[in-house]
């Protein structure tokens, strides 16, 4: 004999399973997209170490995408990968005059962010020079120069550090 509520239980189980698949499908799709993960770890979580591989993959998969370039460069800079960060920052900065609004927006953001990193490391280098911590200062000036190579000021100061 089949209990009266057996049909309801089976229906409820089927509905819950369908709901689970519906809810989890976007999460599964997002997990497979390196750009979505790069933005999530970099922009939302500020967990740059977790985002690093995703951001590198996003730049590789979407080399012409200004978002991939910006968020990838941001993450790379935050993890001290200055040369790689500059590759993407400069790619964007070179496109400041693009006809594409999204590209122009990210080019401006890239220029501002690269200058921010440059200034942060340059100022830290000056503080270290004042404290006669020359080896550490050299490292900061090197980071400043590598994250924004066109800025010669850090190079000149680094060169005058004993």
Protein backbone atom coordinates (compact mmCIF):
# COMPACT_ATOMS: atom_id res chain seq x y z
CA UNK A 1 0.00 0.00 0.00
CA UNK A 2 1.29 3.49 -0.92
CA UNK A 3 0.91 6.18 1.77
CA UNK A 4 -1.27 9.18 0.89
CA UNK A 5 1.55 11.72 1.14
CA UNK A 6 4.04 9.67 -0.96
CA UNK A 7 3.13 11.64 -4.10
CA UNK A 8 3.60 14.93 -2.27
CA UNK A 9 6.99 13.87 -0.92
CA UNK A 10 8.19 12.86 -4.38
CA UNK A 11 6.87 16.11 -5.84
CA UNK A 12 8.51 18.18 -3.09
CA UNK A 13 11.82 16.36 -3.63
CA UNK A 14 11.64 16.97 -7.38
CA UNK A 15 10.84 20.65 -6.86
CA UNK A 16 13.72 21.07 -4.41
CA UNK A 17 16.09 19.37 -6.87
CA UNK A 18 14.91 21.64 -9.69
CA UNK A 19 15.28 24.70 -7.47
CA UNK A 20 18.81 23.66 -6.48
CA UNK A 21 19.83 23.23 -10.13
CA UNK A 22 18.32 26.60 -11.02
CA UNK A 23 20.03 28.43 -8.17
CA UNK A 24 23.42 26.76 -8.51
CA UNK A 25 23.69 26.99 -12.32
CA UNK A 26 24.79 30.65 -12.40
CA UNK A 27 27.36 29.95 -9.66
CA UNK A 28 28.80 27.06 -11.67
CA UNK A 29 28.96 29.24 -14.78
CA UNK A 30 30.64 32.07 -12.88
CA UNK A 31 33.24 29.69 -11.46
CA UNK A 32 34.34 28.76 -14.96
CA UNK A 33 34.81 32.36 -16.16
CA UNK A 34 38.25 33.71 -15.23
CA UNK A 35 37.19 37.35 -15.68
CA UNK A 36 34.24 36.99 -13.32
CA UNK A 37 36.50 35.31 -10.76
CA UNK A 38 39.25 37.89 -11.25
CA UNK A 39 36.80 40.72 -10.58
CA UNK A 40 35.26 38.87 -7.65
CA UNK A 41 38.55 38.26 -5.86
CA UNK A 42 40.09 41.61 -6.77
CA UNK A 43 37.19 44.06 -6.61
CA UNK A 44 34.84 42.40 -4.13
CA UNK A 45 36.99 40.29 -1.82
CA UNK A 46 40.30 42.16 -2.08
CA UNK A 47 41.92 38.70 -1.94
CA UNK A 48 44.63 39.24 -4.52
CA UNK A 49 46.50 35.99 -3.94
CA UNK A 50 43.30 34.00 -4.60
CA UNK A 51 42.54 36.11 -7.65
CA UNK A 52 46.00 36.02 -9.20
CA UNK A 53 45.61 32.87 -11.32
CA UNK A 54 42.10 33.92 -12.39
CA UNK A 55 43.32 37.36 -13.40
CA UNK A 56 46.25 35.99 -15.39
CA UNK A 57 43.84 33.60 -17.12
CA UNK A 58 41.40 36.44 -17.86
CA UNK A 59 44.11 38.52 -19.51
CA UNK A 60 45.21 35.52 -21.56
CA UNK A 61 41.66 34.53 -22.54
CA UNK A 62 40.43 38.09 -23.19
CA UNK A 63 43.52 40.07 -24.27
CA UNK A 64 41.45 42.81 -25.91
CA UNK A 65 38.97 43.23 -23.04
CA UNK A 66 39.61 46.43 -21.07
CA UNK A 67 38.01 44.99 -17.92
CA UNK A 68 40.25 41.92 -18.01
CA UNK A 69 43.27 44.14 -18.53
CA UNK A 70 42.37 46.56 -15.72
CA UNK A 71 41.33 44.09 -13.03
CA UNK A 72 44.16 41.78 -14.01
CA UNK A 73 46.71 44.58 -13.73
CA UNK A 74 45.23 45.72 -10.43
CA UNK A 75 45.60 42.21 -8.96
CA UNK A 76 49.10 41.78 -10.39
CA UNK A 77 50.23 45.09 -8.89
CA UNK A 78 48.75 44.24 -5.50
CA UNK A 79 50.76 41.01 -5.48
CA UNK A 80 53.99 42.76 -6.49
CA UNK A 81 54.06 41.48 -10.07
CA UNK A 82 55.05 44.93 -11.33
CA UNK A 83 56.24 44.05 -14.83
CA UNK A 84 53.15 42.00 -15.63
CA UNK A 85 50.92 44.71 -14.15
CA UNK A 86 52.57 47.37 -16.30
CA UNK A 87 51.98 45.31 -19.46
CA UNK A 88 48.22 45.53 -18.93
CA UNK A 89 48.19 49.05 -17.51
CA UNK A 90 50.20 50.33 -20.47
CA UNK A 91 48.03 48.41 -22.94
CA UNK A 92 45.07 50.34 -21.60
CA UNK A 93 46.84 53.71 -21.21
CA UNK A 94 47.86 53.55 -24.88
CA UNK A 95 44.14 53.41 -25.72
CA UNK A 96 43.08 56.58 -23.86
CA UNK A 97 41.80 58.07 -27.10
CA UNK A 98 39.81 55.00 -28.14
CA UNK A 99 36.40 55.48 -29.70
CA UNK A 100 35.08 52.79 -27.37
CA UNK A 101 33.68 54.34 -24.17
CA UNK A 102 34.43 51.25 -22.05
CA UNK A 103 38.04 51.23 -23.21
CA UNK A 104 38.48 54.96 -22.49
CA UNK A 105 36.98 54.50 -19.01
CA UNK A 106 39.32 51.63 -18.16
CA UNK A 107 42.29 53.45 -19.70
CA UNK A 108 41.67 56.38 -17.34
CA UNK A 109 41.26 53.99 -14.41
CA UNK A 110 44.51 52.22 -15.39
CA UNK A 111 46.45 55.48 -15.61
CA UNK A 112 45.13 56.61 -12.22
CA UNK A 113 45.84 53.24 -10.59
CA UNK A 114 49.36 52.92 -12.01
CA UNK A 115 50.14 56.46 -10.86
CA UNK A 116 48.76 55.62 -7.43
CA UNK A 117 51.07 52.61 -7.14
CA UNK A 118 54.00 54.62 -8.43
CA UNK A 119 53.42 57.42 -5.93
CA UNK A 120 52.84 55.04 -3.02
CA UNK A 121 56.15 53.25 -3.60
CA UNK A 122 58.05 56.40 -4.42
CA UNK A 123 56.90 58.11 -1.22
CA UNK A 124 57.71 55.03 0.82
CA UNK A 125 61.18 55.04 -0.75
CA UNK A 126 61.70 58.66 0.31
CA UNK A 127 60.67 57.81 3.87
CA UNK A 128 63.15 54.97 3.93
CA UNK A 129 65.95 57.21 2.61
CA UNK A 130 65.24 59.68 5.41
CA UNK A 131 65.55 56.79 7.86
CA UNK A 132 68.81 55.74 6.16
CA UNK A 133 67.31 52.40 5.14
CA UNK A 134 68.85 52.53 1.71
CA UNK A 135 68.46 48.92 0.64
CA UNK A 136 64.71 48.96 1.40
CA UNK A 137 64.41 52.37 -0.28
CA UNK A 138 66.03 50.96 -3.40
CA UNK A 139 63.37 48.21 -3.48
CA UNK A 140 60.56 50.78 -3.20
CA UNK A 141 62.01 52.96 -5.96
CA UNK A 142 62.44 49.87 -8.10
CA UNK A 143 58.79 48.94 -7.54
CA UNK A 144 57.68 52.47 -8.40
CA UNK A 145 59.68 52.47 -11.62
CA UNK A 146 58.48 49.02 -12.67
CA UNK A 147 54.79 49.70 -12.03
CA UNK A 148 54.94 52.95 -14.06
CA UNK A 149 58.17 53.02 -16.13
CA UNK A 150 57.55 56.38 -17.84
CA UNK A 151 57.95 58.16 -14.52
CA UNK A 152 61.67 58.99 -14.45
CA UNK A 153 61.60 60.67 -11.04
CA UNK A 154 61.85 57.37 -9.18
CA UNK A 155 64.74 56.26 -11.37
CA UNK A 156 66.65 59.48 -10.70
CA UNK A 157 66.07 59.19 -6.96
CA UNK A 158 66.92 55.50 -6.96
CA UNK A 159 70.16 56.33 -8.77
CA UNK A 160 71.12 58.85 -6.07
CA UNK A 161 70.45 56.43 -3.22
CA UNK A 162 73.76 55.40 -1.56
